[in-house]
């Protein structure tokens, strides 16, 4: 008999298992995949740590969380500075004075502000109510049309005027020459990859891989409490209908080149290019290997059987989630956690914080 059956060996499950094991509880971790790490899993290919499920850069301003992850891994000093490609034109991200200079030829912050304000006024936007209006208010119509509109509609599969403003508000806008994507105090990549970090979190804890909990529900009887980090609607067999998610697929190639694009991430922001970005994995760890590994990332609407990646947190889905949350509250011996279990667009540090807070509550 286990105290906790933890479904999912990603960050939430690994942190929960580590904390409760250290407090003397007996934990079993199961995962339907054949590896630990969830979506932060890194696979060694040609001596390069490949981010199997998309680029993950750890960043936080919470010293408690930074100190916590540094218990399990040493981090390099990688700074996320992606590029945007619009039909062969290259721009710095996030939106900063380098972007404004590349777009308009301006060199002074006040010049950029004047252009953005003029384009906002020309668009007639007073109180932004959707992503499109918010983006134009923040960076002007030129940048919206070239660097936001096509990329965002590919990523989310919806017109920008049907998406909530909070998605674009996550992106920094600066009137300085600063290409650092994040505003956080701490940032980096685990040396040796995320898989090694999660292995250290799960050290000494029983793990069973290749086990789909939802088709082996009898496992529930082996533990006093279940911690479920999968999709909450799947747990309840979609009784109110499926929540919406975005899914991703990747085409990965090994190239006999020392360098392909000169940067870890390049976003392709026109609508005609089918993929959203190209990831060159060696640059996350300043690799000097003779070969390189690249991944083309494609966004798609989630279908049952696909891997769900991003919750679509619009009004309709949030209302549906509340129905599933009400069902979850009827099950005191099941804890729902993580991006899918809580149907939240979490960054990695927030997933870890959520797991730590839950263990403290217990």
Protein backbone atom coordinates (compact mmCIF):
# COMPACT_ATOMS: atom_id res chain seq x y z
CA UNK A 1 0.00 0.00 0.00
CA UNK A 2 1.36 3.42 -1.00
CA UNK A 3 0.57 6.72 0.63
CA UNK A 4 0.66 8.47 -2.75
CA UNK A 5 0.25 7.21 -6.30
CA UNK A 6 1.63 9.99 -8.49
CA UNK A 7 0.44 9.89 -12.09
CA UNK A 8 2.99 11.66 -14.28
CA UNK A 9 6.77 11.92 -13.91
CA UNK A 10 6.98 15.54 -15.04
CA UNK A 11 7.97 18.48 -12.86
CA UNK A 12 4.83 18.56 -10.69
CA UNK A 13 4.90 14.82 -10.06
CA UNK A 14 8.65 14.70 -9.43
CA UNK A 15 8.61 17.60 -6.96
CA UNK A 16 5.58 16.20 -5.14
CA UNK A 17 7.17 12.75 -4.91
CA UNK A 18 10.47 14.14 -3.66
CA UNK A 19 8.90 16.28 -0.95
CA UNK A 20 6.54 13.63 0.37
CA UNK A 21 9.21 10.91 0.27
CA UNK A 22 11.52 13.14 2.29
CA UNK A 23 8.71 13.51 4.85
CA UNK A 24 8.54 9.74 5.25
CA UNK A 25 5.60 8.90 2.95
CA UNK A 26 5.70 5.98 0.55
CA UNK A 27 5.27 7.09 -3.07
CA UNK A 28 4.83 5.33 -6.41
CA UNK A 29 5.26 7.32 -9.64
CA UNK A 30 3.76 6.03 -12.89
CA UNK A 31 3.93 7.51 -16.39
CA UNK A 32 2.44 6.33 -19.66
CA UNK A 33 5.56 7.39 -21.55
CA UNK A 34 8.73 5.30 -21.57
CA UNK A 35 10.75 8.04 -19.86
CA UNK A 36 10.60 10.45 -16.94
CA UNK A 37 10.60 14.24 -17.20
CA UNK A 38 7.27 14.88 -18.90
CA UNK A 39 7.54 17.63 -21.50
CA UNK A 40 10.91 18.84 -20.18
CA UNK A 41 12.50 15.51 -21.15
CA UNK A 42 15.83 15.87 -22.95
CA UNK A 43 17.28 13.09 -25.09
CA UNK A 44 20.98 12.77 -25.93
CA UNK A 45 21.47 12.77 -29.71
CA UNK A 46 24.97 13.13 -31.17
CA UNK A 47 26.14 14.27 -27.72
CA UNK A 48 23.54 17.08 -27.83
CA UNK A 49 20.72 17.33 -25.28
CA UNK A 50 17.66 17.55 -27.51
CA UNK A 51 14.52 19.15 -26.01
CA UNK A 52 12.20 16.40 -27.22
CA UNK A 53 8.95 18.27 -26.60
CA UNK A 54 10.02 21.81 -27.46
CA UNK A 55 12.37 24.42 -26.08
CA UNK A 56 12.37 24.83 -22.29
CA UNK A 57 14.36 27.64 -20.67
CA UNK A 58 14.15 27.77 -16.90
CA UNK A 59 13.55 31.27 -15.54
CA UNK A 60 12.23 32.67 -12.27
CA UNK A 61 12.43 35.64 -9.95
CA UNK A 62 11.61 33.47 -6.94
CA UNK A 63 14.86 32.75 -5.07
CA UNK A 64 13.20 29.90 -3.17
CA UNK A 65 12.42 28.14 -6.46
CA UNK A 66 15.86 28.88 -7.90
CA UNK A 67 17.56 27.46 -4.81
CA UNK A 68 15.26 24.44 -4.97
CA UNK A 69 16.09 23.43 -8.56
CA UNK A 70 19.79 24.03 -7.91
CA UNK A 71 19.62 21.20 -5.37
CA UNK A 72 19.16 18.82 -8.29
CA UNK A 73 21.17 20.39 -11.11
CA UNK A 74 23.80 22.99 -11.89
CA UNK A 75 22.57 25.59 -14.37
CA UNK A 76 24.52 27.31 -17.12
CA UNK A 77 24.13 31.01 -17.86
CA UNK A 78 22.08 30.66 -21.05
CA UNK A 79 20.05 33.80 -21.82
CA UNK A 80 17.01 33.38 -24.07
CA UNK A 81 17.35 35.71 -27.07
CA UNK A 82 15.16 34.32 -29.87
CA UNK A 83 14.95 35.78 -33.36
CA UNK A 84 11.92 36.34 -35.57
CA UNK A 85 11.99 35.63 -39.32
CA UNK A 86 9.37 37.30 -41.50
CA UNK A 87 9.85 36.23 -45.13
CA UNK A 88 13.62 36.39 -44.76
CA UNK A 89 13.72 39.58 -42.68
CA UNK A 90 15.26 38.97 -39.24
CA UNK A 91 14.23 40.81 -36.08
CA UNK A 92 15.30 40.62 -32.44
CA UNK A 93 12.86 39.41 -29.79
CA UNK A 94 11.40 40.35 -27.42
CA UNK A 95 10.23 43.72 -28.71
CA UNK A 96 12.93 46.24 -27.83
CA UNK A 97 14.92 49.07 -29.38
CA UNK A 98 16.79 46.63 -31.61
CA UNK A 99 13.43 45.46 -33.03
CA UNK A 100 12.21 49.03 -33.49
CA UNK A 101 15.43 50.01 -35.25
CA UNK A 102 15.18 47.00 -37.57
CA UNK A 103 11.50 47.77 -38.29
CA UNK A 104 11.51 51.58 -38.57
CA UNK A 105 15.13 52.73 -38.55
CA UNK A 106 14.67 54.66 -35.30
CA UNK A 107 17.40 54.85 -32.66
CA UNK A 108 15.76 56.81 -29.84
CA UNK A 109 13.07 55.43 -27.49
CA UNK A 110 10.88 58.51 -27.94
CA UNK A 111 10.82 57.99 -31.72
CA UNK A 112 9.58 54.42 -31.24
CA UNK A 113 6.94 55.51 -28.74
CA UNK A 114 5.63 58.15 -31.15
CA UNK A 115 5.24 55.62 -33.97
CA UNK A 116 3.47 53.10 -31.71
CA UNK A 117 1.12 55.77 -30.34
CA UNK A 118 0.32 57.05 -33.84
CA UNK A 119 -0.47 53.55 -35.11
CA UNK A 120 -2.62 52.85 -32.05
CA UNK A 121 -4.62 56.05 -32.66
CA UNK A 122 -5.00 55.24 -36.36
CA UNK A 123 -6.43 51.86 -35.38
CA UNK A 124 -9.06 53.58 -33.19
CA UNK A 125 -8.31 51.39 -30.16
CA UNK A 126 -9.26 52.86 -26.81
CA UNK A 127 -9.79 49.89 -24.46
CA UNK A 128 -8.23 46.69 -25.90
CA UNK A 129 -10.51 43.67 -25.50
CA UNK A 130 -8.60 40.96 -27.38
CA UNK A 131 -5.07 39.94 -28.33
CA UNK A 132 -5.04 41.85 -31.63
CA UNK A 133 -6.06 45.16 -30.08
CA UNK A 134 -3.71 44.67 -27.12
CA UNK A 135 -0.77 43.91 -29.41
CA UNK A 136 -1.36 46.99 -31.58
CA UNK A 137 -1.66 49.13 -28.43
CA UNK A 138 1.65 47.78 -27.12
CA UNK A 139 3.85 47.74 -30.25
CA UNK A 140 1.91 49.25 -33.17
CA UNK A 141 0.33 47.77 -36.27
CA UNK A 142 3.56 47.19 -38.26
CA UNK A 143 5.05 44.87 -35.63
CA UNK A 144 1.67 43.24 -35.04
CA UNK A 145 1.25 42.43 -38.74
CA UNK A 146 4.81 41.14 -39.28
CA UNK A 147 5.86 39.56 -36.01
CA UNK A 148 2.72 38.68 -34.05
CA UNK A 149 -0.33 38.00 -36.21
CA UNK A 150 0.85 35.07 -38.36
CA UNK A 151 2.87 33.37 -35.64
CA UNK A 152 0.10 33.63 -33.05
CA UNK A 153 -2.61 32.38 -35.40
CA UNK A 154 -0.43 29.40 -36.34
CA UNK A 155 0.32 28.69 -32.70
CA UNK A 156 -3.24 28.93 -31.41
CA UNK A 157 -5.24 28.05 -34.54
CA UNK A 158 -7.53 31.02 -34.03
CA UNK A 159 -7.72 34.62 -35.28
CA UNK A 160 -5.98 37.05 -32.95
CA UNK A 161 -9.23 38.94 -32.38
CA UNK A 162 -10.65 35.76 -30.80
CA UNK A 163 -7.78 35.26 -28.35
CA UNK A 164 -7.54 36.73 -24.83
CA UNK A 165 -5.14 39.64 -24.17
CA UNK A 166 -3.14 37.85 -21.46
CA UNK A 167 -1.27 35.75 -24.04
CA UNK A 168 0.48 38.76 -25.57
CA UNK A 169 0.94 40.46 -22.20
CA UNK A 170 3.38 37.68 -21.29
CA UNK A 171 5.85 39.13 -23.83
CA UNK A 172 8.10 41.97 -22.62
CA UNK A 173 8.11 45.30 -24.46
CA UNK A 174 11.19 47.41 -23.76
CA UNK A 175 12.50 50.76 -24.92
CA UNK A 176 16.09 49.70 -24.27
CA UNK A 177 18.57 47.71 -26.37
CA UNK A 178 18.00 44.49 -24.41
CA UNK A 179 17.37 41.19 -26.23
CA UNK A 180 16.90 39.13 -23.05
CA UNK A 181 13.45 37.58 -23.51
CA UNK A 182 12.71 37.25 -19.82
CA UNK A 183 12.58 39.87 -17.08
CA UNK A 184 13.35 37.32 -14.37
CA UNK A 185 16.29 37.46 -11.98
CA UNK A 186 17.44 33.87 -12.60
CA UNK A 187 17.70 32.01 -15.89
CA UNK A 188 19.52 29.05 -17.39
CA UNK A 189 19.52 25.46 -18.63
CA UNK A 190 20.44 22.45 -16.44
CA UNK A 191 23.92 21.29 -17.38
CA UNK A 192 23.49 17.77 -18.74
CA UNK A 193 19.82 18.31 -19.59
CA UNK A 194 16.48 18.35 -17.77
CA UNK A 195 16.24 14.57 -17.68
CA UNK A 196 19.23 14.38 -15.34
CA UNK A 197 17.64 17.00 -13.07
CA UNK A 198 14.38 15.03 -12.84
CA UNK A 199 16.33 11.79 -12.25
CA UNK A 200 17.92 13.45 -9.24
CA UNK A 201 14.51 14.60 -7.98
CA UNK A 202 13.20 11.04 -8.21
CA UNK A 203 16.28 9.37 -6.75
CA UNK A 204 15.27 6.41 -4.56
CA UNK A 205 11.57 6.62 -5.47
CA UNK A 206 9.75 3.73 -7.14
CA UNK A 207 8.87 4.49 -10.77
CA UNK A 208 6.89 2.46 -13.31
CA UNK A 209 7.07 3.63 -16.93
CA UNK A 210 4.83 2.66 -19.83
CA UNK A 211 1.83 2.54 -17.48
CA UNK A 212 -1.31 4.37 -18.59
CA UNK A 213 -3.20 5.07 -15.39
CA UNK A 214 -6.49 5.72 -17.19
CA UNK A 215 -6.50 2.18 -18.61
CA UNK A 216 -5.18 0.70 -15.35
CA UNK A 217 -7.56 2.41 -12.97
CA UNK A 218 -7.23 -0.46 -10.49
CA UNK A 219 -3.92 1.15 -9.50
CA UNK A 220 -6.03 3.64 -7.57
CA UNK A 221 -6.69 0.93 -4.99
CA UNK A 222 -2.98 0.66 -4.20
CA UNK A 223 -2.70 4.12 -2.66
CA UNK A 224 -4.45 6.21 -0.05
CA UNK A 225 -4.24 9.28 -2.30
CA UNK A 226 -3.77 9.77 -6.06
CA UNK A 227 -1.92 12.78 -7.45
CA UNK A 228 -3.07 13.18 -11.05
CA UNK A 229 -1.07 15.46 -13.37
CA UNK A 230 -2.76 14.45 -16.62
CA UNK A 231 -5.67 16.24 -18.29
CA UNK A 232 -8.51 16.72 -15.81
CA UNK A 233 -11.21 16.16 -18.45
CA UNK A 234 -9.62 12.85 -19.46
CA UNK A 235 -9.72 11.68 -15.83
CA UNK A 236 -13.49 12.18 -15.84
CA UNK A 237 -13.79 10.51 -19.27
CA UNK A 238 -14.85 13.80 -20.89
CA UNK A 239 -18.28 13.60 -19.24
CA UNK A 240 -18.96 17.29 -19.97
CA UNK A 241 -17.10 17.24 -23.28
CA UNK A 242 -13.40 17.78 -23.96
CA UNK A 243 -11.53 20.91 -22.97
CA UNK A 244 -9.55 22.50 -25.78
CA UNK A 245 -5.76 22.23 -25.95
CA UNK A 246 -3.10 23.01 -28.49
CA UNK A 247 -0.82 20.17 -29.46
CA UNK A 248 2.64 20.19 -31.06
CA UNK A 249 4.56 17.92 -33.38
CA UNK A 250 8.24 18.01 -34.21
CA UNK A 251 10.35 17.01 -37.18
CA UNK A 252 13.93 16.56 -36.00
CA UNK A 253 16.99 16.31 -38.24
CA UNK A 254 20.68 15.63 -37.63
CA UNK A 255 22.82 17.82 -39.90
CA UNK A 256 26.49 17.43 -40.77
CA UNK A 257 27.07 21.09 -40.01
CA UNK A 258 28.64 22.77 -36.98
CA UNK A 259 25.90 25.42 -37.04
CA UNK A 260 22.57 25.81 -38.86
CA UNK A 261 20.97 29.10 -37.79
CA UNK A 262 23.33 30.65 -35.26
CA UNK A 263 20.68 30.79 -32.53
CA UNK A 264 18.76 28.35 -30.34
CA UNK A 265 15.31 29.53 -31.47
CA UNK A 266 14.09 31.31 -34.60
CA UNK A 267 10.35 32.02 -34.87
CA UNK A 268 8.79 32.06 -38.35
CA UNK A 269 6.11 34.70 -38.15
CA UNK A 270 4.50 34.68 -41.62
CA UNK A 271 1.38 32.60 -42.10
CA UNK A 272 2.70 30.82 -45.21
CA UNK A 273 5.56 29.00 -43.42
CA UNK A 274 3.87 25.91 -41.95
CA UNK A 275 6.05 25.58 -38.85
CA UNK A 276 6.13 28.11 -36.02
CA UNK A 277 9.84 27.88 -35.24
CA UNK A 278 13.11 26.04 -35.69
CA UNK A 279 15.03 24.96 -32.58
CA UNK A 280 18.77 24.31 -32.77
CA UNK A 281 19.40 22.42 -29.56
CA UNK A 282 23.19 22.66 -29.19
CA UNK A 283 22.97 26.42 -28.59
CA UNK A 284 21.14 25.92 -25.29
CA UNK A 285 24.40 24.58 -23.87
CA UNK A 286 26.91 26.47 -26.08
CA UNK A 287 27.76 23.22 -27.89
CA UNK A 288 30.87 22.88 -30.06
CA UNK A 289 29.96 19.52 -31.62
CA UNK A 290 30.79 18.93 -35.28
CA UNK A 291 27.14 18.10 -36.02
CA UNK A 292 23.94 19.88 -35.09
CA UNK A 293 20.35 18.79 -34.36
CA UNK A 294 17.39 20.95 -35.39
CA UNK A 295 13.65 20.56 -34.79
CA UNK A 296 10.85 22.07 -36.83
CA UNK A 297 7.92 22.81 -34.53
CA UNK A 298 4.35 22.62 -35.81
CA UNK A 299 1.27 23.64 -33.84
CA UNK A 300 -2.02 21.78 -34.20
CA UNK A 301 -5.46 21.53 -32.66
CA UNK A 302 -5.51 18.75 -30.08
CA UNK A 303 -7.43 15.59 -30.93
CA UNK A 304 -8.07 12.72 -28.54
CA UNK A 305 -4.96 10.53 -28.61
CA UNK A 306 -2.61 13.49 -29.16
CA UNK A 307 -0.40 14.98 -26.46
CA UNK A 308 -2.08 18.07 -24.99
CA UNK A 309 0.43 20.91 -24.51
CA UNK A 310 -1.30 24.24 -23.92
CA UNK A 311 -4.72 24.86 -22.37
CA UNK A 312 -6.83 27.25 -24.44
CA UNK A 313 -7.92 29.50 -21.57
CA UNK A 314 -10.75 31.37 -23.22
CA UNK A 315 -14.10 32.10 -21.60
CA UNK A 316 -15.81 28.98 -22.96
CA UNK A 317 -13.09 26.57 -21.81
CA UNK A 318 -12.68 28.20 -18.42
CA UNK A 319 -16.42 27.76 -17.82
CA UNK A 320 -16.16 24.09 -18.82
CA UNK A 321 -13.15 23.63 -16.55
CA UNK A 322 -15.23 24.86 -13.60
CA UNK A 323 -17.56 21.89 -14.13
CA UNK A 324 -14.63 19.48 -13.96
CA UNK A 325 -13.25 21.31 -10.94
CA UNK A 326 -16.58 20.78 -9.17
CA UNK A 327 -16.25 17.05 -9.90
CA UNK A 328 -12.68 17.08 -8.62
CA UNK A 329 -13.77 18.60 -5.32
CA UNK A 330 -16.01 15.56 -4.80
CA UNK A 331 -12.92 13.33 -4.77
CA UNK A 332 -10.98 14.20 -1.60
CA UNK A 333 -8.49 11.38 -2.22
CA UNK A 334 -7.42 12.73 -5.62
CA UNK A 335 -5.17 15.77 -6.07
CA UNK A 336 -5.12 17.40 -9.51
CA UNK A 337 -1.93 19.31 -10.27
CA UNK A 338 0.20 20.80 -13.02
CA UNK A 339 -0.59 22.48 -16.32
CA UNK A 340 -3.08 19.82 -17.43
CA UNK A 341 -4.48 18.89 -14.03
CA UNK A 342 -5.21 22.53 -13.17
CA UNK A 343 -5.85 23.65 -16.78
CA UNK A 344 -3.45 26.59 -16.44
CA UNK A 345 -0.78 28.02 -18.74
CA UNK A 346 2.03 27.49 -16.22
CA UNK A 347 5.72 28.31 -16.60
CA UNK A 348 8.08 25.72 -15.09
CA UNK A 349 8.81 27.70 -11.93
CA UNK A 350 5.07 28.11 -11.27
CA UNK A 351 4.51 24.35 -11.67
CA UNK A 352 7.21 23.69 -9.07
CA UNK A 353 5.79 26.34 -6.75
CA UNK A 354 2.30 24.83 -7.05
CA UNK A 355 3.64 21.37 -6.13
CA UNK A 356 5.60 22.75 -3.17
CA UNK A 357 2.57 24.66 -1.90
CA UNK A 358 0.41 21.55 -2.14
CA UNK A 359 2.91 19.47 -0.15
CA UNK A 360 3.10 22.20 2.50
CA UNK A 361 -0.70 22.21 2.79
CA UNK A 362 -0.63 18.46 3.37
